[in-house]
Amino acid sequence: YDTTVHFISEEELKRDHSGIPHGGF
């Protein structure tokens, strides 16, 4: 896959990525 990696702080991960969304078609 074409993969993009972002390095962020622990605070940012908790603030912006705490959910578990998903879906598809």
mmCIF file of all heavy atoms, coordinates in Angstrom:
data_MODEL
# 
_entry.id   MODEL 
# 
loop_
_atom_site.group_PDB 
_atom_site.id 
_atom_site.type_symbol 
_atom_site.label_atom_id 
_atom_site.label_alt_id 
_atom_site.label_comp_id 
_atom_site.label_asym_id 
_atom_site.label_entity_id 
_atom_site.label_seq_id 
_atom_site.pdbx_PDB_ins_code 
_atom_site.Cartn_x 
_atom_site.Cartn_y 
_atom_site.Cartn_z 
_atom_site.occupancy 
_atom_site.B_iso_or_equiv 
_atom_site.pdbx_formal_charge 
_atom_site.auth_seq_id 
_atom_site.auth_comp_id 
_atom_site.auth_asym_id 
_atom_site.auth_atom_id 
_atom_site.pdbx_PDB_model_num 
ATOM 1   N N   . TYR A 1 1  ? 0.827   -1.202 0.000  1.00 0.00 ? 1  TYR A N   1 
ATOM 2   C CA  . TYR A 1 1  ? 0.000   0.000  0.000  1.00 0.00 ? 1  TYR A CA  1 
ATOM 3   C C   . TYR A 1 1  ? 0.867   1.261  0.000  1.00 0.00 ? 1  TYR A C   1 
ATOM 4   O O   . TYR A 1 1  ? 1.992   1.257  0.496  1.00 0.00 ? 1  TYR A O   1 
ATOM 5   C CB  . TYR A 1 1  ? -0.885  0.047  1.258  1.00 0.00 ? 1  TYR A CB  1 
ATOM 6   C CG  . TYR A 1 1  ? -1.841  -1.100 1.392  1.00 0.00 ? 1  TYR A CG  1 
ATOM 7   C CD1 . TYR A 1 1  ? -1.442  -2.305 1.976  1.00 0.00 ? 1  TYR A CD1 1 
ATOM 8   C CD2 . TYR A 1 1  ? -3.153  -0.999 0.947  1.00 0.00 ? 1  TYR A CD2 1 
ATOM 9   C CE1 . TYR A 1 1  ? -2.327  -3.370 2.097  1.00 0.00 ? 1  TYR A CE1 1 
ATOM 10  C CE2 . TYR A 1 1  ? -4.040  -2.054 1.078  1.00 0.00 ? 1  TYR A CE2 1 
ATOM 11  C CZ  . TYR A 1 1  ? -3.623  -3.246 1.648  1.00 0.00 ? 1  TYR A CZ  1 
ATOM 12  O OH  . TYR A 1 1  ? -4.490  -4.287 1.775  1.00 0.00 ? 1  TYR A OH  1 
ATOM 13  N N   . ASP A 1 2  ? 0.311   2.360  -0.528 1.00 0.00 ? 2  ASP A N   1 
ATOM 14  C CA  . ASP A 1 2  ? 0.925   3.669  -0.320 1.00 0.00 ? 2  ASP A CA  1 
ATOM 15  C C   . ASP A 1 2  ? 0.592   4.080  1.112  1.00 0.00 ? 2  ASP A C   1 
ATOM 16  O O   . ASP A 1 2  ? -0.588  4.266  1.458  1.00 0.00 ? 2  ASP A O   1 
ATOM 17  C CB  . ASP A 1 2  ? 0.367   4.686  -1.319 1.00 0.00 ? 2  ASP A CB  1 
ATOM 18  C CG  . ASP A 1 2  ? 0.832   4.399  -2.742 1.00 0.00 ? 2  ASP A CG  1 
ATOM 19  O OD1 . ASP A 1 2  ? 1.903   3.790  -2.889 1.00 0.00 ? 2  ASP A OD1 1 
ATOM 20  O OD2 . ASP A 1 2  ? 0.125   4.777  -3.688 1.00 0.00 ? 2  ASP A OD2 1 
ATOM 21  N N   . THR A 1 3  ? 1.621   4.210  1.927  1.00 0.00 ? 3  THR A N   1 
ATOM 22  C CA  . THR A 1 3  ? 1.443   4.446  3.358  1.00 0.00 ? 3  THR A CA  1 
ATOM 23  C C   . THR A 1 3  ? 2.089   5.765  3.769  1.00 0.00 ? 3  THR A C   1 
ATOM 24  O O   . THR A 1 3  ? 3.232   6.036  3.418  1.00 0.00 ? 3  THR A O   1 
ATOM 25  C CB  . THR A 1 3  ? 2.071   3.302  4.176  1.00 0.00 ? 3  THR A CB  1 
ATOM 26  O OG1 . THR A 1 3  ? 1.453   2.069  3.798  1.00 0.00 ? 3  THR A OG1 1 
ATOM 27  C CG2 . THR A 1 3  ? 1.876   3.521  5.668  1.00 0.00 ? 3  THR A CG2 1 
ATOM 28  N N   . THR A 1 4  ? 1.330   6.570  4.512  1.00 0.00 ? 4  THR A N   1 
ATOM 29  C CA  . THR A 1 4  ? 1.835   7.834  5.049  1.00 0.00 ? 4  THR A CA  1 
ATOM 30  C C   . THR A 1 4  ? 1.970   7.698  6.558  1.00 0.00 ? 4  THR A C   1 
ATOM 31  O O   . THR A 1 4  ? 1.046   7.209  7.221  1.00 0.00 ? 4  THR A O   1 
ATOM 32  C CB  . THR A 1 4  ? 0.873   8.998  4.723  1.00 0.00 ? 4  THR A CB  1 
ATOM 33  O OG1 . THR A 1 4  ? 0.655   9.033  3.313  1.00 0.00 ? 4  THR A OG1 1 
ATOM 34  C CG2 . THR A 1 4  ? 1.449   10.330 5.193  1.00 0.00 ? 4  THR A CG2 1 
ATOM 35  N N   . VAL A 1 5  ? 3.112   8.110  7.099  1.00 0.00 ? 5  VAL A N   1 
ATOM 36  C CA  . VAL A 1 5  ? 3.364   8.021  8.537  1.00 0.00 ? 5  VAL A CA  1 
ATOM 37  C C   . VAL A 1 5  ? 3.518   9.422  9.119  1.00 0.00 ? 5  VAL A C   1 
ATOM 38  O O   . VAL A 1 5  ? 4.325   10.219 8.637  1.00 0.00 ? 5  VAL A O   1 
ATOM 39  C CB  . VAL A 1 5  ? 4.631   7.188  8.831  1.00 0.00 ? 5  VAL A CB  1 
ATOM 40  C CG1 . VAL A 1 5  ? 4.874   7.107  10.339 1.00 0.00 ? 5  VAL A CG1 1 
ATOM 41  C CG2 . VAL A 1 5  ? 4.499   5.780  8.235  1.00 0.00 ? 5  VAL A CG2 1 
ATOM 42  N N   . HIS A 1 6  ? 2.721   9.722  10.142 1.00 0.00 ? 6  HIS A N   1 
ATOM 43  C CA  . HIS A 1 6  ? 2.819   10.996 10.855 1.00 0.00 ? 6  HIS A CA  1 
ATOM 44  C C   . HIS A 1 6  ? 3.308   10.718 12.272 1.00 0.00 ? 6  HIS A C   1 
ATOM 45  O O   . HIS A 1 6  ? 2.743   9.850  12.960 1.00 0.00 ? 6  HIS A O   1 
ATOM 46  C CB  . HIS A 1 6  ? 1.453   11.695 10.949 1.00 0.00 ? 6  HIS A CB  1 
ATOM 47  C CG  . HIS A 1 6  ? 0.763   11.878 9.631  1.00 0.00 ? 6  HIS A CG  1 
ATOM 48  N ND1 . HIS A 1 6  ? 1.031   12.926 8.788  1.00 0.00 ? 6  HIS A ND1 1 
ATOM 49  C CD2 . HIS A 1 6  ? -0.207  11.139 9.019  1.00 0.00 ? 6  HIS A CD2 1 
ATOM 50  C CE1 . HIS A 1 6  ? 0.263   12.839 7.710  1.00 0.00 ? 6  HIS A CE1 1 
ATOM 51  N NE2 . HIS A 1 6  ? -0.503  11.756 7.825  1.00 0.00 ? 6  HIS A NE2 1 
ATOM 52  N N   . PHE A 1 7  ? 4.309   11.451 12.729 1.00 0.00 ? 7  PHE A N   1 
ATOM 53  C CA  . PHE A 1 7  ? 4.771   11.334 14.113 1.00 0.00 ? 7  PHE A CA  1 
ATOM 54  C C   . PHE A 1 7  ? 4.170   12.479 14.923 1.00 0.00 ? 7  PHE A C   1 
ATOM 55  O O   . PHE A 1 7  ? 4.342   13.652 14.574 1.00 0.00 ? 7  PHE A O   1 
ATOM 56  C CB  . PHE A 1 7  ? 6.297   11.348 14.173 1.00 0.00 ? 7  PHE A CB  1 
ATOM 57  C CG  . PHE A 1 7  ? 6.915   10.141 13.520 1.00 0.00 ? 7  PHE A CG  1 
ATOM 58  C CD1 . PHE A 1 7  ? 7.519   10.232 12.271 1.00 0.00 ? 7  PHE A CD1 1 
ATOM 59  C CD2 . PHE A 1 7  ? 6.852   8.901  14.137 1.00 0.00 ? 7  PHE A CD2 1 
ATOM 60  C CE1 . PHE A 1 7  ? 8.061   9.111  11.655 1.00 0.00 ? 7  PHE A CE1 1 
ATOM 61  C CE2 . PHE A 1 7  ? 7.391   7.768  13.531 1.00 0.00 ? 7  PHE A CE2 1 
ATOM 62  C CZ  . PHE A 1 7  ? 7.992   7.880  12.290 1.00 0.00 ? 7  PHE A CZ  1 
ATOM 63  N N   . ILE A 1 8  ? 3.426   12.114 15.959 1.00 0.00 ? 8  ILE A N   1 
ATOM 64  C CA  . ILE A 1 8  ? 2.713   13.111 16.756 1.00 0.00 ? 8  ILE A CA  1 
ATOM 65  C C   . ILE A 1 8  ? 2.944   12.841 18.240 1.00 0.00 ? 8  ILE A C   1 
ATOM 66  O O   . ILE A 1 8  ? 3.505   11.807 18.622 1.00 0.00 ? 8  ILE A O   1 
ATOM 67  C CB  . ILE A 1 8  ? 1.190   13.102 16.446 1.00 0.00 ? 8  ILE A CB  1 
ATOM 68  C CG1 . ILE A 1 8  ? 0.568   11.735 16.780 1.00 0.00 ? 8  ILE A CG1 1 
ATOM 69  C CG2 . ILE A 1 8  ? 0.938   13.464 14.990 1.00 0.00 ? 8  ILE A CG2 1 
ATOM 70  C CD1 . ILE A 1 8  ? -0.943  11.696 16.621 1.00 0.00 ? 8  ILE A CD1 1 
ATOM 71  N N   . SER A 1 9  ? 2.477   13.775 19.072 1.00 0.00 ? 9  SER A N   1 
ATOM 72  C CA  . SER A 1 9  ? 2.647   13.618 20.520 1.00 0.00 ? 9  SER A CA  1 
ATOM 73  C C   . SER A 1 9  ? 1.557   12.709 21.079 1.00 0.00 ? 9  SER A C   1 
ATOM 74  O O   . SER A 1 9  ? 0.520   12.479 20.447 1.00 0.00 ? 9  SER A O   1 
ATOM 75  C CB  . SER A 1 9  ? 2.571   14.980 21.209 1.00 0.00 ? 9  SER A CB  1 
ATOM 76  O OG  . SER A 1 9  ? 1.250   15.499 21.111 1.00 0.00 ? 9  SER A OG  1 
ATOM 77  N N   . GLU A 1 10 ? 1.788   12.203 22.283 1.00 0.00 ? 10 GLU A N   1 
ATOM 78  C CA  . GLU A 1 10 ? 0.794   11.372 22.966 1.00 0.00 ? 10 GLU A CA  1 
ATOM 79  C C   . GLU A 1 10 ? -0.495  12.147 23.199 1.00 0.00 ? 10 GLU A C   1 
ATOM 80  O O   . GLU A 1 10 ? -1.600  11.613 23.078 1.00 0.00 ? 10 GLU A O   1 
ATOM 81  C CB  . GLU A 1 10 ? 1.376   10.872 24.288 1.00 0.00 ? 10 GLU A CB  1 
ATOM 82  C CG  . GLU A 1 10 ? 0.618   9.704  24.892 1.00 0.00 ? 10 GLU A CG  1 
ATOM 83  C CD  . GLU A 1 10 ? 1.387   9.028  26.010 1.00 0.00 ? 10 GLU A CD  1 
ATOM 84  O OE1 . GLU A 1 10 ? 2.442   9.551  26.431 1.00 0.00 ? 10 GLU A OE1 1 
ATOM 85  O OE2 . GLU A 1 10 ? 0.927   7.976  26.464 1.00 0.00 ? 10 GLU A OE2 1 
ATOM 86  N N   . GLU A 1 11 ? -0.347  13.433 23.509 1.00 0.00 ? 11 GLU A N   1 
ATOM 87  C CA  . GLU A 1 11 ? -1.518  14.289 23.747 1.00 0.00 ? 11 GLU A CA  1 
ATOM 88  C C   . GLU A 1 11 ? -2.360  14.418 22.471 1.00 0.00 ? 11 GLU A C   1 
ATOM 89  O O   . GLU A 1 11 ? -3.600  14.352 22.515 1.00 0.00 ? 11 GLU A O   1 
ATOM 90  C CB  . GLU A 1 11 ? -1.082  15.680 24.225 1.00 0.00 ? 11 GLU A CB  1 
ATOM 91  C CG  . GLU A 1 11 ? -0.465  15.708 25.613 1.00 0.00 ? 11 GLU A CG  1 
ATOM 92  C CD  . GLU A 1 11 ? 0.935   15.089 25.658 1.00 0.00 ? 11 GLU A CD  1 
ATOM 93  O OE1 . GLU A 1 11 ? 1.620   15.087 24.603 1.00 0.00 ? 11 GLU A OE1 1 
ATOM 94  O OE2 . GLU A 1 11 ? 1.330   14.603 26.730 1.00 0.00 ? 11 GLU A OE2 1 
ATOM 95  N N   . GLU A 1 12 ? -1.685  14.602 21.323 1.00 0.00 ? 12 GLU A N   1 
ATOM 96  C CA  . GLU A 1 12 ? -2.403  14.717 20.057 1.00 0.00 ? 12 GLU A CA  1 
ATOM 97  C C   . GLU A 1 12 ? -3.137  13.420 19.719 1.00 0.00 ? 12 GLU A C   1 
ATOM 98  O O   . GLU A 1 12 ? -4.268  13.443 19.224 1.00 0.00 ? 12 GLU A O   1 
ATOM 99  C CB  . GLU A 1 12 ? -1.429  15.052 18.924 1.00 0.00 ? 12 GLU A CB  1 
ATOM 100 C CG  . GLU A 1 12 ? -0.919  16.481 18.920 1.00 0.00 ? 12 GLU A CG  1 
ATOM 101 C CD  . GLU A 1 12 ? 0.129   16.684 17.839 1.00 0.00 ? 12 GLU A CD  1 
ATOM 102 O OE1 . GLU A 1 12 ? 1.261   16.190 18.007 1.00 0.00 ? 12 GLU A OE1 1 
ATOM 103 O OE2 . GLU A 1 12 ? -0.208  17.333 16.814 1.00 0.00 ? 12 GLU A OE2 1 
ATOM 104 N N   . LEU A 1 13 ? -2.493  12.284 19.969 1.00 0.00 ? 13 LEU A N   1 
ATOM 105 C CA  . LEU A 1 13 ? -3.128  11.000 19.682 1.00 0.00 ? 13 LEU A CA  1 
ATOM 106 C C   . LEU A 1 13 ? -4.398  10.834 20.511 1.00 0.00 ? 13 LEU A C   1 
ATOM 107 O O   . LEU A 1 13 ? -5.443  10.425 19.995 1.00 0.00 ? 13 LEU A O   1 
ATOM 108 C CB  . LEU A 1 13 ? -2.150  9.851  19.956 1.00 0.00 ? 13 LEU A CB  1 
ATOM 109 C CG  . LEU A 1 13 ? -2.622  8.481  19.452 1.00 0.00 ? 13 LEU A CG  1 
ATOM 110 C CD1 . LEU A 1 13 ? -2.467  8.388  17.933 1.00 0.00 ? 13 LEU A CD1 1 
ATOM 111 C CD2 . LEU A 1 13 ? -1.860  7.345  20.123 1.00 0.00 ? 13 LEU A CD2 1 
ATOM 112 N N   . LYS A 1 14 ? -4.319  11.153 21.793 1.00 0.00 ? 14 LYS A N   1 
ATOM 113 C CA  . LYS A 1 14 ? -5.484  11.031 22.676 1.00 0.00 ? 14 LYS A CA  1 
ATOM 114 C C   . LYS A 1 14 ? -6.580  12.015 22.284 1.00 0.00 ? 14 LYS A C   1 
ATOM 115 O O   . LYS A 1 14 ? -7.771  11.689 22.317 1.00 0.00 ? 14 LYS A O   1 
ATOM 116 C CB  . LYS A 1 14 ? -5.066  11.250 24.134 1.00 0.00 ? 14 LYS A CB  1 
ATOM 117 C CG  . LYS A 1 14 ? -4.259  10.097 24.713 1.00 0.00 ? 14 LYS A CG  1 
ATOM 118 C CD  . LYS A 1 14 ? -3.824  10.385 26.140 1.00 0.00 ? 14 LYS A CD  1 
ATOM 119 C CE  . LYS A 1 14 ? -3.010  9.223  26.708 1.00 0.00 ? 14 LYS A CE  1 
ATOM 120 N NZ  . LYS A 1 14 ? -2.468  9.527  28.046 1.00 0.00 ? 14 LYS A NZ  1 
ATOM 121 N N   . ARG A 1 15 ? -6.170  13.234 21.886 1.00 0.00 ? 15 ARG A N   1 
ATOM 122 C CA  . ARG A 1 15 ? -7.154  14.279 21.564 1.00 0.00 ? 15 ARG A CA  1 
ATOM 123 C C   . ARG A 1 15 ? -7.855  14.020 20.234 1.00 0.00 ? 15 ARG A C   1 
ATOM 124 O O   . ARG A 1 15 ? -9.074  14.171 20.123 1.00 0.00 ? 15 ARG A O   1 
ATOM 125 C CB  . ARG A 1 15 ? -6.442  15.625 21.527 1.00 0.00 ? 15 ARG A CB  1 
ATOM 126 C CG  . ARG A 1 15 ? -7.383  16.827 21.284 1.00 0.00 ? 15 ARG A CG  1 
ATOM 127 C CD  . ARG A 1 15 ? -6.571  18.075 21.013 1.00 0.00 ? 15 ARG A CD  1 
ATOM 128 N NE  . ARG A 1 15 ? -5.890  17.989 19.716 1.00 0.00 ? 15 ARG A NE  1 
ATOM 129 C CZ  . ARG A 1 15 ? -4.728  18.587 19.470 1.00 0.00 ? 15 ARG A CZ  1 
ATOM 130 N NH1 . ARG A 1 15 ? -4.092  19.270 20.407 1.00 0.00 ? 15 ARG A NH1 1 
ATOM 131 N NH2 . ARG A 1 15 ? -4.183  18.470 18.269 1.00 0.00 ? 15 ARG A NH2 1 
ATOM 132 N N   . ASP A 1 16 ? -7.067  13.617 19.224 1.00 0.00 ? 16 ASP A N   1 
ATOM 133 C CA  . ASP A 1 16 ? -7.596  13.571 17.860 1.00 0.00 ? 16 ASP A CA  1 
ATOM 134 C C   . ASP A 1 16 ? -7.901  12.169 17.337 1.00 0.00 ? 16 ASP A C   1 
ATOM 135 O O   . ASP A 1 16 ? -8.542  12.026 16.293 1.00 0.00 ? 16 ASP A O   1 
ATOM 136 C CB  . ASP A 1 16 ? -6.596  14.237 16.897 1.00 0.00 ? 16 ASP A CB  1 
ATOM 137 C CG  . ASP A 1 16 ? -6.311  15.682 17.258 1.00 0.00 ? 16 ASP A CG  1 
ATOM 138 O OD1 . ASP A 1 16 ? -7.209  16.337 17.828 1.00 0.00 ? 16 ASP A OD1 1 
ATOM 139 O OD2 . ASP A 1 16 ? -5.185  16.152 16.979 1.00 0.00 ? 16 ASP A OD2 1 
ATOM 140 N N   . HIS A 1 17 ? -7.432  11.123 18.039 1.00 0.00 ? 17 HIS A N   1 
ATOM 141 C CA  . HIS A 1 17 ? -7.553  9.773  17.486 1.00 0.00 ? 17 HIS A CA  1 
ATOM 142 C C   . HIS A 1 17 ? -8.005  8.763  18.541 1.00 0.00 ? 17 HIS A C   1 
ATOM 143 O O   . HIS A 1 17 ? -7.589  7.604  18.521 1.00 0.00 ? 17 HIS A O   1 
ATOM 144 C CB  . HIS A 1 17 ? -6.216  9.338  16.875 1.00 0.00 ? 17 HIS A CB  1 
ATOM 145 C CG  . HIS A 1 17 ? -5.700  10.293 15.839 1.00 0.00 ? 17 HIS A CG  1 
ATOM 146 N ND1 . HIS A 1 17 ? -6.172  10.327 14.551 1.00 0.00 ? 17 HIS A ND1 1 
ATOM 147 C CD2 . HIS A 1 17 ? -4.767  11.286 15.932 1.00 0.00 ? 17 HIS A CD2 1 
ATOM 148 C CE1 . HIS A 1 17 ? -5.546  11.280 13.870 1.00 0.00 ? 17 HIS A CE1 1 
ATOM 149 N NE2 . HIS A 1 17 ? -4.688  11.874 14.689 1.00 0.00 ? 17 HIS A NE2 1 
ATOM 150 N N   . SER A 1 18 ? -8.879  9.187  19.447 1.00 0.00 ? 18 SER A N   1 
ATOM 151 C CA  . SER A 1 18 ? -9.305  8.291  20.531 1.00 0.00 ? 18 SER A CA  1 
ATOM 152 C C   . SER A 1 18 ? -10.463 7.384  20.122 1.00 0.00 ? 18 SER A C   1 
ATOM 153 O O   . SER A 1 18 ? -10.713 6.368  20.755 1.00 0.00 ? 18 SER A O   1 
ATOM 154 C CB  . SER A 1 18 ? -9.711  9.105  21.766 1.00 0.00 ? 18 SER A CB  1 
ATOM 155 O OG  . SER A 1 18 ? -10.796 9.977  21.442 1.00 0.00 ? 18 SER A OG  1 
ATOM 156 N N   . GLY A 1 19 ? -11.167 7.735  19.058 1.00 0.00 ? 19 GLY A N   1 
ATOM 157 C CA  . GLY A 1 19 ? -12.321 6.945  18.635 1.00 0.00 ? 19 GLY A CA  1 
ATOM 158 C C   . GLY A 1 19 ? -11.917 5.715  17.836 1.00 0.00 ? 19 GLY A C   1 
ATOM 159 O O   . GLY A 1 19 ? -10.749 5.509  17.500 1.00 0.00 ? 19 GLY A O   1 
ATOM 160 N N   . ILE A 1 20 ? -12.932 4.875  17.524 1.00 0.00 ? 20 ILE A N   1 
ATOM 161 C CA  . ILE A 1 20 ? -12.690 3.674  16.707 1.00 0.00 ? 20 ILE A CA  1 
ATOM 162 C C   . ILE A 1 20 ? -13.722 3.665  15.572 1.00 0.00 ? 20 ILE A C   1 
ATOM 163 O O   . ILE A 1 20 ? -14.557 2.759  15.465 1.00 0.00 ? 20 ILE A O   1 
ATOM 164 C CB  . ILE A 1 20 ? -12.785 2.387  17.550 1.00 0.00 ? 20 ILE A CB  1 
ATOM 165 C CG1 . ILE A 1 20 ? -12.049 2.543  18.888 1.00 0.00 ? 20 ILE A CG1 1 
ATOM 166 C CG2 . ILE A 1 20 ? -12.169 1.207  16.785 1.00 0.00 ? 20 ILE A CG2 1 
ATOM 167 C CD1 . ILE A 1 20 ? -12.179 1.343  19.797 1.00 0.00 ? 20 ILE A CD1 1 
ATOM 168 N N   . PRO A 1 21 ? -13.686 4.688  14.699 1.00 0.00 ? 21 PRO A N   1 
ATOM 169 C CA  . PRO A 1 21 ? -14.646 4.721  13.583 1.00 0.00 ? 21 PRO A CA  1 
ATOM 170 C C   . PRO A 1 21 ? -14.244 3.730  12.493 1.00 0.00 ? 21 PRO A C   1 
ATOM 171 O O   . PRO A 1 21 ? -13.090 3.307  12.419 1.00 0.00 ? 21 PRO A O   1 
ATOM 172 C CB  . PRO A 1 21 ? -14.520 6.162  13.071 1.00 0.00 ? 21 PRO A CB  1 
ATOM 173 C CG  . PRO A 1 21 ? -13.074 6.503  13.339 1.00 0.00 ? 21 PRO A CG  1 
ATOM 174 C CD  . PRO A 1 21 ? -12.735 5.816  14.647 1.00 0.00 ? 21 PRO A CD  1 
ATOM 175 N N   . HIS A 1 22 ? -15.192 3.347  11.666 1.00 0.00 ? 22 HIS A N   1 
ATOM 176 C CA  . HIS A 1 22 ? -14.864 2.543  10.491 1.00 0.00 ? 22 HIS A CA  1 
ATOM 177 C C   . HIS A 1 22 ? -16.053 2.563  9.546  1.00 0.00 ? 22 HIS A C   1 
ATOM 178 O O   . HIS A 1 22 ? -17.007 3.321  9.742  1.00 0.00 ? 22 HIS A O   1 
ATOM 179 C CB  . HIS A 1 22 ? -14.482 1.110  10.874 1.00 0.00 ? 22 HIS A CB  1 
ATOM 180 C CG  . HIS A 1 22 ? -13.338 0.581  10.053 1.00 0.00 ? 22 HIS A CG  1 
ATOM 181 N ND1 . HIS A 1 22 ? -13.243 0.765  8.695  1.00 0.00 ? 22 HIS A ND1 1 
ATOM 182 C CD2 . HIS A 1 22 ? -12.238 -0.126 10.392 1.00 0.00 ? 22 HIS A CD2 1 
ATOM 183 C CE1 . HIS A 1 22 ? -12.139 0.213  8.235  1.00 0.00 ? 22 HIS A CE1 1 
ATOM 184 N NE2 . HIS A 1 22 ? -11.496 -0.337 9.246  1.00 0.00 ? 22 HIS A NE2 1 
ATOM 185 N N   . GLY A 1 23 ? -16.002 1.735  8.527  1.00 0.00 ? 23 GLY A N   1 
ATOM 186 C CA  . GLY A 1 23 ? -17.067 1.680  7.537  1.00 0.00 ? 23 GLY A CA  1 
ATOM 187 C C   . GLY A 1 23 ? -16.536 1.148  6.234  1.00 0.00 ? 23 GLY A C   1 
ATOM 188 O O   . GLY A 1 23 ? -15.452 0.561  6.173  1.00 0.00 ? 23 GLY A O   1 
ATOM 189 N N   . GLY A 1 24 ? -17.298 1.370  5.177  1.00 0.00 ? 24 GLY A N   1 
ATOM 190 C CA  . GLY A 1 24 ? -16.846 0.919  3.879  1.00 0.00 ? 24 GLY A CA  1 
ATOM 191 C C   . GLY A 1 24 ? -17.987 0.719  2.911  1.00 0.00 ? 24 GLY A C   1 
ATOM 192 O O   . GLY A 1 24 ? -19.137 1.099  3.178  1.00 0.00 ? 24 GLY A O   1 
ATOM 193 N N   . PHE A 1 25 ? -17.653 0.097  1.770  1.00 0.00 ? 25 PHE A N   1 
ATOM 194 C CA  . PHE A 1 25 ? -18.594 -0.040 0.664  1.00 0.00 ? 25 PHE A CA  1 
ATOM 195 C C   . PHE A 1 25 ? -18.449 -1.426 0.029  1.00 0.00 ? 25 PHE A C   1 
ATOM 196 O O   . PHE A 1 25 ? -17.336 -1.920 -0.157 1.00 0.00 ? 25 PHE A O   1 
ATOM 197 C CB  . PHE A 1 25 ? -18.291 0.998  -0.428 1.00 0.00 ? 25 PHE A CB  1 
ATOM 198 C CG  . PHE A 1 25 ? -18.176 2.413  0.086  1.00 0.00 ? 25 PHE A CG  1 
ATOM 199 C CD1 . PHE A 1 25 ? -16.971 2.875  0.599  1.00 0.00 ? 25 PHE A CD1 1 
ATOM 200 C CD2 . PHE A 1 25 ? -19.261 3.281  0.047  1.00 0.00 ? 25 PHE A CD2 1 
ATOM 201 C CE1 . PHE A 1 25 ? -16.844 4.174  1.076  1.00 0.00 ? 25 PHE A CE1 1 
ATOM 202 C CE2 . PHE A 1 25 ? -19.142 4.583  0.523  1.00 0.00 ? 25 PHE A CE2 1 
ATOM 203 C CZ  . PHE A 1 25 ? -17.939 5.031  1.029  1.00 0.00 ? 25 PHE A CZ  1 
# 
